[in-house]
Amino acid sequence: MRIAISALLAISAMLAPFTAWAQSADATGKIAEVSTAEQTIKLDDGKTYQAPAEFNFEGLNQDVEVVIFYTVIDGKRMINDLELIQ
């Protein structure tokens, strides 16, 4: 039993850094640029966010203030959700 618990703790300690990579974050700012061809949104802070293929860009224009909820995957900020600030 002790061996099984020790093995479980060792495995969870090794996998802990991987869960940190998939955590969500958010960013607030005004849209500086929208590219429907590249499926990206760039905020006024210079950071670019990648939208999923089925993303609806309707109503997203320059200087619209938004909150972007994203996850960093392979160095890209992938959009999970987006809210307009009114």
PDB file of N, CA and C in Angstrom:
ATOM      1  N   MET A   1       0.828  -1.196   0.000  1.00  0.00           N
ATOM      2  CA  MET A   1       0.000   0.000   0.000  1.00  0.00           C
ATOM      3  C   MET A   1       0.871   1.258   0.000  1.00  0.00           C
ATOM      4  N   ARG A   2       1.933   1.242   0.782  1.00  0.00           N
ATOM      5  CA  ARG A   2       2.821   2.400   0.825  1.00  0.00           C
ATOM      6  C   ARG A   2       3.480   2.647  -0.527  1.00  0.00           C
ATOM      7  N   ILE A   3       3.813   1.563  -1.198  1.00  0.00           N
ATOM      8  CA  ILE A   3       4.444   1.694  -2.515  1.00  0.00           C
ATOM      9  C   ILE A   3       3.464   2.325  -3.502  1.00  0.00           C
ATOM     10  N   ALA A   4       2.207   1.910  -3.465  1.00  0.00           N
ATOM     11  CA  ALA A   4       1.198   2.458  -4.369  1.00  0.00           C
ATOM     12  C   ALA A   4       0.985   3.941  -4.100  1.00  0.00           C
ATOM     13  N   ILE A   5       0.933   4.342  -2.851  1.00  0.00           N
ATOM     14  CA  ILE A   5       0.744   5.760  -2.501  1.00  0.00           C
ATOM     15  C   ILE A   5       1.971   6.567  -2.929  1.00  0.00           C
ATOM     16  N   SER A   6       3.149   6.021  -2.709  1.00  0.00           N
ATOM     17  CA  SER A   6       4.376   6.708  -3.111  1.00  0.00           C
ATOM     18  C   SER A   6       4.428   6.887  -4.621  1.00  0.00           C
ATOM     19  N   ALA A   7       4.047   5.854  -5.349  1.00  0.00           N
ATOM     20  CA  ALA A   7       4.039   5.933  -6.810  1.00  0.00           C
ATOM     21  C   ALA A   7       3.026   6.968  -7.284  1.00  0.00           C
ATOM     22  N   LEU A   8       1.862   6.998  -6.676  1.00  0.00           N
ATOM     23  CA  LEU A   8       0.823   7.963  -7.039  1.00  0.00           C
ATOM     24  C   LEU A   8       1.288   9.393  -6.779  1.00  0.00           C
ATOM     25  N   LEU A   9       1.920   9.621  -5.649  1.00  0.00           N
ATOM     26  CA  LEU A   9       2.437  10.948  -5.331  1.00  0.00           C
ATOM     27  C   LEU A   9       3.550  11.356  -6.290  1.00  0.00           C
ATOM     28  N   ALA A  10       4.400  10.436  -6.662  1.00  0.00           N
ATOM     29  CA  ALA A  10       5.481  10.736  -7.602  1.00  0.00           C
ATOM     30  C   ALA A  10       4.933  11.100  -8.976  1.00  0.00           C
ATOM     31  N   ILE A  11       3.938  10.354  -9.435  1.00  0.00           N
ATOM     32  CA  ILE A  11       3.328  10.635 -10.740  1.00  0.00           C
ATOM     33  C   ILE A  11       2.612  11.980 -10.726  1.00  0.00           C
ATOM     34  N   SER A  12       1.870  12.278  -9.671  1.00  0.00           N
ATOM     35  CA  SER A  12       1.161  13.562  -9.608  1.00  0.00           C
ATOM     36  C   SER A  12       2.140  14.728  -9.529  1.00  0.00           C
ATOM     37  N   ALA A  13       3.285  14.536  -8.867  1.00  0.00           N
ATOM     38  CA  ALA A  13       4.297  15.600  -8.803  1.00  0.00           C
ATOM     39  C   ALA A  13       4.914  15.845 -10.172  1.00  0.00           C
ATOM     40  N   MET A  14       5.088  14.780 -10.952  1.00  0.00           N
ATOM     41  CA  MET A  14       5.651  14.940 -12.295  1.00  0.00           C
ATOM     42  C   MET A  14       4.665  15.607 -13.247  1.00  0.00           C
ATOM     43  N   LEU A  15       3.378  15.364 -13.089  1.00  0.00           N
ATOM     44  CA  LEU A  15       2.368  15.914 -13.993  1.00  0.00           C
ATOM     45  C   LEU A  15       1.890  17.304 -13.593  1.00  0.00           C
ATOM     46  N   ALA A  16       2.213  17.770 -12.418  1.00  0.00           N
ATOM     47  CA  ALA A  16       1.749  19.071 -11.932  1.00  0.00           C
ATOM     48  C   ALA A  16       2.130  20.225 -12.861  1.00  0.00           C
ATOM     49  N   PRO A  17       3.340  20.271 -13.421  1.00  0.00           N
ATOM     50  CA  PRO A  17       3.666  21.389 -14.322  1.00  0.00           C
ATOM     51  C   PRO A  17       2.803  21.423 -15.575  1.00  0.00           C
ATOM     52  N   PHE A  18       2.338  20.269 -16.052  1.00  0.00           N
ATOM     53  CA  PHE A  18       1.513  20.242 -17.253  1.00  0.00           C
ATOM     54  C   PHE A  18       0.158  20.899 -17.034  1.00  0.00           C
ATOM     55  N   THR A  19      -0.396  20.816 -15.852  1.00  0.00           N
ATOM     56  CA  THR A  19      -1.681  21.456 -15.588  1.00  0.00           C
ATOM     57  C   THR A  19      -1.538  22.969 -15.566  1.00  0.00           C
ATOM     58  N   ALA A  20      -0.381  23.469 -15.191  1.00  0.00           N
ATOM     59  CA  ALA A  20      -0.156  24.919 -15.177  1.00  0.00           C
ATOM     60  C   ALA A  20      -0.134  25.481 -16.591  1.00  0.00           C
ATOM     61  N   TRP A  21       0.318  24.684 -17.568  1.00  0.00           N
ATOM     62  CA  TRP A  21       0.367  25.156 -18.944  1.00  0.00           C
ATOM     63  C   TRP A  21      -1.016  25.388 -19.521  1.00  0.00           C
ATOM     64  N   ALA A  22      -2.009  24.679 -19.076  1.00  0.00           N
ATOM     65  CA  ALA A  22      -3.335  24.743 -19.675  1.00  0.00           C
ATOM     66  C   ALA A  22      -4.289  25.671 -18.924  1.00  0.00           C
ATOM     67  N   GLN A  23      -3.792  26.475 -18.014  1.00  0.00           N
ATOM     68  CA  GLN A  23      -4.668  27.346 -17.247  1.00  0.00           C
ATOM     69  C   GLN A  23      -5.106  28.539 -18.085  1.00  0.00           C
ATOM     70  N   SER A  24      -6.321  28.971 -17.852  1.00  0.00           N
ATOM     71  CA  SER A  24      -6.859  30.117 -18.563  1.00  0.00           C
ATOM     72  C   SER A  24      -6.426  31.426 -17.913  1.00  0.00           C
ATOM     73  N   ALA A  25      -6.408  32.446 -18.722  1.00  0.00           N
ATOM     74  CA  ALA A  25      -6.105  33.796 -18.259  1.00  0.00           C
ATOM     75  C   ALA A  25      -7.070  34.730 -18.976  1.00  0.00           C
ATOM     76  N   ASP A  26      -7.020  36.009 -18.635  1.00  0.00           N
ATOM     77  CA  ASP A  26      -7.863  36.966 -19.340  1.00  0.00           C
ATOM     78  C   ASP A  26      -7.089  38.246 -19.590  1.00  0.00           C
ATOM     79  N   ALA A  27      -7.538  38.989 -20.589  1.00  0.00           N
ATOM     80  CA  ALA A  27      -6.918  40.257 -20.955  1.00  0.00           C
ATOM     81  C   ALA A  27      -8.027  41.243 -21.296  1.00  0.00           C
ATOM     82  N   THR A  28      -7.849  42.483 -20.860  1.00  0.00           N
ATOM     83  CA  THR A  28      -8.819  43.535 -21.151  1.00  0.00           C
ATOM     84  C   THR A  28      -8.126  44.623 -21.961  1.00  0.00           C
ATOM     85  N   GLY A  29      -8.799  45.108 -22.977  1.00  0.00           N
ATOM     86  CA  GLY A  29      -8.225  46.185 -23.779  1.00  0.00           C
ATOM     87  C   GLY A  29      -9.116  46.533 -24.948  1.00  0.00           C
ATOM     88  N   LYS A  30      -8.645  47.488 -25.731  1.00  0.00           N
ATOM     89  CA  LYS A  30      -9.359  47.881 -26.947  1.00  0.00           C
ATOM     90  C   LYS A  30      -8.762  47.148 -28.132  1.00  0.00           C
ATOM     91  N   ILE A  31      -9.618  46.778 -29.065  1.00  0.00           N
ATOM     92  CA  ILE A  31      -9.173  46.082 -30.258  1.00  0.00           C
ATOM     93  C   ILE A  31      -8.394  47.058 -31.137  1.00  0.00           C
ATOM     94  N   ALA A  32      -7.187  46.657 -31.519  1.00  0.00           N
ATOM     95  CA  ALA A  32      -6.363  47.457 -32.416  1.00  0.00           C
ATOM     96  C   ALA A  32      -6.518  46.976 -33.861  1.00  0.00           C
ATOM     97  N   GLU A  33      -6.715  45.657 -34.015  1.00  0.00           N
ATOM     98  CA  GLU A  33      -6.795  45.092 -35.359  1.00  0.00           C
ATOM     99  C   GLU A  33      -7.541  43.767 -35.325  1.00  0.00           C
ATOM    100  N   VAL A  34      -8.369  43.531 -36.342  1.00  0.00           N
ATOM    101  CA  VAL A  34      -9.083  42.262 -36.496  1.00  0.00           C
ATOM    102  C   VAL A  34      -8.725  41.699 -37.863  1.00  0.00           C
ATOM    103  N   SER A  35      -8.286  40.445 -37.898  1.00  0.00           N
ATOM    104  CA  SER A  35      -7.969  39.790 -39.160  1.00  0.00           C
ATOM    105  C   SER A  35      -8.823  38.527 -39.279  1.00  0.00           C
ATOM    106  N   THR A  36      -9.860  38.602 -40.103  1.00  0.00           N
ATOM    107  CA  THR A  36     -10.707  37.422 -40.309  1.00  0.00           C
ATOM    108  C   THR A  36      -9.982  36.376 -41.143  1.00  0.00           C
ATOM    109  N   ALA A  37      -9.062  36.805 -42.006  1.00  0.00           N
ATOM    110  CA  ALA A  37      -8.298  35.863 -42.835  1.00  0.00           C
ATOM    111  C   ALA A  37      -7.370  35.004 -41.977  1.00  0.00           C
ATOM    112  N   GLU A  38      -6.734  35.623 -40.981  1.00  0.00           N
ATOM    113  CA  GLU A  38      -5.817  34.897 -40.103  1.00  0.00           C
ATOM    114  C   GLU A  38      -6.487  34.424 -38.821  1.00  0.00           C
ATOM    115  N   GLN A  39      -7.773  34.799 -38.631  1.00  0.00           N
ATOM    116  CA  GLN A  39      -8.531  34.427 -37.434  1.00  0.00           C
ATOM    117  C   GLN A  39      -7.870  34.959 -36.166  1.00  0.00           C
ATOM    118  N   THR A  40      -7.437  36.228 -36.192  1.00  0.00           N
ATOM    119  CA  THR A  40      -6.766  36.811 -35.034  1.00  0.00           C
ATOM    120  C   THR A  40      -7.374  38.148 -34.636  1.00  0.00           C
ATOM    121  N   ILE A  41      -7.185  38.474 -33.360  1.00  0.00           N
ATOM    122  CA  ILE A  41      -7.554  39.775 -32.810  1.00  0.00           C
ATOM    123  C   ILE A  41      -6.329  40.305 -32.088  1.00  0.00           C
ATOM    124  N   LYS A  42      -5.981  41.551 -32.386  1.00  0.00           N
ATOM    125  CA  LYS A  42      -4.841  42.194 -31.743  1.00  0.00           C
ATOM    126  C   LYS A  42      -5.372  43.320 -30.872  1.00  0.00           C
ATOM    127  N   LEU A  43      -4.945  43.342 -29.611  1.00  0.00           N
ATOM    128  CA  LEU A  43      -5.372  44.392 -28.690  1.00  0.00           C
ATOM    129  C   LEU A  43      -4.389  45.551 -28.713  1.00  0.00           C
ATOM    130  N   ASP A  44      -4.783  46.654 -28.072  1.00  0.00           N
ATOM    131  CA  ASP A  44      -3.956  47.853 -28.059  1.00  0.00           C
ATOM    132  C   ASP A  44      -2.648  47.686 -27.284  1.00  0.00           C
ATOM    133  N   ASP A  45      -2.493  46.585 -26.546  1.00  0.00           N
ATOM    134  CA  ASP A  45      -1.234  46.318 -25.853  1.00  0.00           C
ATOM    135  C   ASP A  45      -0.231  45.598 -26.746  1.00  0.00           C
ATOM    136  N   GLY A  46      -0.641  45.293 -27.984  1.00  0.00           N
ATOM    137  CA  GLY A  46       0.246  44.653 -28.953  1.00  0.00           C
ATOM    138  C   GLY A  46       0.173  43.143 -28.982  1.00  0.00           C
ATOM    139  N   LYS A  47      -0.587  42.537 -28.083  1.00  0.00           N
ATOM    140  CA  LYS A  47      -0.689  41.075 -28.038  1.00  0.00           C
ATOM    141  C   LYS A  47      -1.775  40.592 -29.000  1.00  0.00           C
ATOM    142  N   THR A  48      -1.479  39.463 -29.654  1.00  0.00           N
ATOM    143  CA  THR A  48      -2.388  38.878 -30.631  1.00  0.00           C
ATOM    144  C   THR A  48      -2.997  37.603 -30.072  1.00  0.00           C
ATOM    145  N   TYR A  49      -4.281  37.408 -30.348  1.00  0.00           N
ATOM    146  CA  TYR A  49      -5.044  36.258 -29.841  1.00  0.00           C
ATOM    147  C   TYR A  49      -5.633  35.508 -31.023  1.00  0.00           C
ATOM    148  N   GLN A  50      -5.481  34.193 -31.012  1.00  0.00           N
ATOM    149  CA  GLN A  50      -5.953  33.327 -32.094  1.00  0.00           C
ATOM    150  C   GLN A  50      -7.383  32.870 -31.795  1.00  0.00           C
ATOM    151  N   ALA A  51      -8.277  33.080 -32.757  1.00  0.00           N
ATOM    152  CA  ALA A  51      -9.674  32.672 -32.602  1.00  0.00           C
ATOM    153  C   ALA A  51      -9.871  31.265 -33.182  1.00  0.00           C
ATOM    154  N   PRO A  52     -10.827  30.512 -32.637  1.00  0.00           N
ATOM    155  CA  PRO A  52     -11.127  29.198 -33.219  1.00  0.00           C
ATOM    156  C   PRO A  52     -11.801  29.354 -34.580  1.00  0.00           C
ATOM    157  N   ALA A  53     -11.839  28.291 -35.344  1.00  0.00           N
ATOM    158  CA  ALA A  53     -12.362  28.327 -36.713  1.00  0.00           C
ATOM    159  C   ALA A  53     -13.809  28.809 -36.784  1.00  0.00           C
ATOM    160  N   GLU A  54     -14.641  28.453 -35.821  1.00  0.00           N
ATOM    161  CA  GLU A  54     -16.066  28.809 -35.858  1.00  0.00           C
ATOM    162  C   GLU A  54     -16.366  30.156 -35.197  1.00  0.00           C
ATOM    163  N   PHE A  55     -15.350  30.972 -34.943  1.00  0.00           N
ATOM    164  CA  PHE A  55     -15.502  32.234 -34.228  1.00  0.00           C
ATOM    165  C   PHE A  55     -16.271  33.261 -35.062  1.00  0.00           C
ATOM    166  N   ASN A  56     -17.180  33.989 -34.428  1.00  0.00           N
ATOM    167  CA  ASN A  56     -17.987  35.018 -35.083  1.00  0.00           C
ATOM    168  C   ASN A  56     -17.372  36.394 -34.799  1.00  0.00           C
ATOM    169  N   PHE A  57     -16.862  37.049 -35.825  1.00  0.00           N
ATOM    170  CA  PHE A  57     -16.212  38.357 -35.678  1.00  0.00           C
ATOM    171  C   PHE A  57     -17.193  39.525 -35.781  1.00  0.00           C
ATOM    172  N   GLU A  58     -18.476  39.248 -35.883  1.00  0.00           N
ATOM    173  CA  GLU A  58     -19.486  40.291 -36.031  1.00  0.00           C
ATOM    174  C   GLU A  58     -19.466  41.240 -34.827  1.00  0.00           C
ATOM    175  N   GLY A  59     -19.407  42.527 -35.093  1.00  0.00           N
ATOM    176  CA  GLY A  59     -19.422  43.538 -34.043  1.00  0.00           C
ATOM    177  C   GLY A  59     -18.055  43.833 -33.447  1.00  0.00           C
ATOM    178  N   LEU A  60     -17.034  43.143 -33.891  1.00  0.00           N
ATOM    179  CA  LEU A  60     -15.683  43.374 -33.381  1.00  0.00           C
ATOM    180  C   LEU A  60     -14.932  44.302 -34.337  1.00  0.00           C
ATOM    181  N   ASN A  61     -14.858  45.542 -33.956  1.00  0.00           N
ATOM    182  CA  ASN A  61     -14.203  46.558 -34.761  1.00  0.00           C
ATOM    183  C   ASN A  61     -13.109  47.231 -33.943  1.00  0.00           C
ATOM    184  N   GLN A  62     -12.312  48.023 -34.628  1.00  0.00           N
ATOM    185  CA  GLN A  62     -11.243  48.751 -33.949  1.00  0.00           C
ATOM    186  C   GLN A  62     -11.823  49.668 -32.872  1.00  0.00           C
ATOM    187  N   ASP A  63     -11.129  49.779 -31.748  1.00  0.00           N
ATOM    188  CA  ASP A  63     -11.478  50.612 -30.591  1.00  0.00           C
ATOM    189  C   ASP A  63     -12.652  50.092 -29.767  1.00  0.00           C
ATOM    190  N   VAL A  64     -13.134  48.885 -30.039  1.00  0.00           N
ATOM    191  CA  VAL A  64     -14.159  48.269 -29.195  1.00  0.00           C
ATOM    192  C   VAL A  64     -13.424  47.652 -28.009  1.00  0.00           C
ATOM    193  N   GLU A  65     -13.904  47.930 -26.784  1.00  0.00           N
ATOM    194  CA  GLU A  65     -13.259  47.396 -25.592  1.00  0.00           C
ATOM    195  C   GLU A  65     -13.812  46.000 -25.286  1.00  0.00           C
ATOM    196  N   VAL A  66     -12.899  45.066 -25.037  1.00  0.00           N
ATOM    197  CA  VAL A  66     -13.273  43.673 -24.813  1.00  0.00           C
ATOM    198  C   VAL A  66     -12.491  43.058 -23.653  1.00  0.00           C
ATOM    199  N   VAL A  67     -13.032  41.958 -23.159  1.00  0.00           N
ATOM    200  CA  VAL A  67     -12.306  41.075 -22.244  1.00  0.00           C
ATOM    201  C   VAL A  67     -12.161  39.756 -22.989  1.00  0.00           C
ATOM    202  N   ILE A  68     -10.921  39.302 -23.152  1.00  0.00           N
ATOM    203  CA  ILE A  68     -10.649  38.046 -23.836  1.00  0.00           C
ATOM    204  C   ILE A  68     -10.192  37.022 -22.803  1.00  0.00           C
ATOM    205  N   PHE A  69     -10.870  35.893 -22.781  1.00  0.00           N
ATOM    206  CA  PHE A  69     -10.473  34.764 -21.935  1.00  0.00           C
ATOM    207  C   PHE A  69      -9.737  33.794 -22.851  1.00  0.00           C
ATOM    208  N   TYR A  70      -8.506  33.449 -22.496  1.00  0.00           N
ATOM    209  CA  TYR A  70      -7.679  32.655 -23.400  1.00  0.00           C
ATOM    210  C   TYR A  70      -6.836  31.631 -22.649  1.00  0.00           C
ATOM    211  N   THR A  71      -6.306  30.688 -23.419  1.00  0.00           N
ATOM    212  CA  THR A  71      -5.380  29.678 -22.924  1.00  0.00           C
ATOM    213  C   THR A  71      -4.160  29.702 -23.835  1.00  0.00           C
ATOM    214  N   VAL A  72      -2.975  29.656 -23.265  1.00  0.00           N
ATOM    215  CA  VAL A  72      -1.750  29.626 -24.066  1.00  0.00           C
ATOM    216  C   VAL A  72      -1.452  28.176 -24.433  1.00  0.00           C
ATOM    217  N   ILE A  73      -1.436  27.905 -25.743  1.00  0.00           N
ATOM    218  CA  ILE A  73      -1.147  26.572 -26.263  1.00  0.00           C
ATOM    219  C   ILE A  73      -0.069  26.719 -27.329  1.00  0.00           C
ATOM    220  N   ASP A  74       1.036  26.046 -27.122  1.00  0.00           N
ATOM    221  CA  ASP A  74       2.174  26.104 -28.050  1.00  0.00           C
ATOM    222  C   ASP A  74       2.601  27.544 -28.338  1.00  0.00           C
ATOM    223  N   GLY A  75       2.569  28.381 -27.329  1.00  0.00           N
ATOM    224  CA  GLY A  75       3.009  29.759 -27.469  1.00  0.00           C
ATOM    225  C   GLY A  75       1.977  30.707 -28.060  1.00  0.00           C
ATOM    226  N   LYS A  76       0.815  30.198 -28.442  1.00  0.00           N
ATOM    227  CA  LYS A  76      -0.250  31.040 -29.003  1.00  0.00           C
ATOM    228  C   LYS A  76      -1.333  31.246 -27.959  1.00  0.00           C
ATOM    229  N   ARG A  77      -1.882  32.435 -27.921  1.00  0.00           N
ATOM    230  CA  ARG A  77      -2.998  32.741 -27.026  1.00  0.00           C
ATOM    231  C   ARG A  77      -4.294  32.381 -27.755  1.00  0.00           C
ATOM    232  N   MET A  78      -4.889  31.250 -27.380  1.00  0.00           N
ATOM    233  CA  MET A  78      -6.101  30.766 -28.028  1.00  0.00           C
ATOM    234  C   MET A  78      -7.329  31.276 -27.274  1.00  0.00           C
ATOM    235  N   ILE A  79      -8.230  31.930 -27.972  1.00  0.00           N
ATOM    236  CA  ILE A  79      -9.425  32.520 -27.362  1.00  0.00           C
ATOM    237  C   ILE A  79     -10.404  31.426 -26.962  1.00  0.00           C
ATOM    238  N   ASN A  80     -10.807  31.449 -25.684  1.00  0.00           N
ATOM    239  CA  ASN A  80     -11.855  30.563 -25.181  1.00  0.00           C
ATOM    240  C   ASN A  80     -13.202  31.268 -25.196  1.00  0.00           C
ATOM    241  N   ASP A  81     -13.183  32.559 -24.862  1.00  0.00           N
ATOM    242  CA  ASP A  81     -14.412  33.351 -24.780  1.00  0.00           C
ATOM    243  C   ASP A  81     -14.035  34.817 -24.919  1.00  0.00           C
ATOM    244  N   LEU A  82     -14.995  35.620 -25.307  1.00  0.00           N
ATOM    245  CA  LEU A  82     -14.775  37.050 -25.482  1.00  0.00           C
ATOM    246  C   LEU A  82     -16.042  37.782 -25.056  1.00  0.00           C
ATOM    247  N   GLU A  83     -15.881  38.873 -24.305  1.00  0.00           N
ATOM    248  CA  GLU A  83     -17.022  39.687 -23.879  1.00  0.00           C
ATOM    249  C   GLU A  83     -16.775  41.134 -24.267  1.00  0.00           C
ATOM    250  N   LEU A  84     -17.809  41.778 -24.763  1.00  0.00           N
ATOM    251  CA  LEU A  84     -17.737  43.201 -25.052  1.00  0.00           C
ATOM    252  C   LEU A  84     -17.989  43.995 -23.781  1.00  0.00           C
ATOM    253  N   ILE A  85     -17.226  45.058 -23.588  1.00  0.00           N
ATOM    254  CA  ILE A  85     -17.427  45.948 -22.438  1.00  0.00           C
ATOM    255  C   ILE A  85     -18.172  47.173 -22.951  1.00  0.00           C
ATOM    256  N   GLN A  86     -19.305  47.460 -22.319  1.00  0.00           N
ATOM    257  CA  GLN A  86     -20.115  48.589 -22.787  1.00  0.00           C
ATOM    258  C   GLN A  86     -20.141  49.702 -21.788  1.00  0.00           C
TER     259      GLN A  86
END
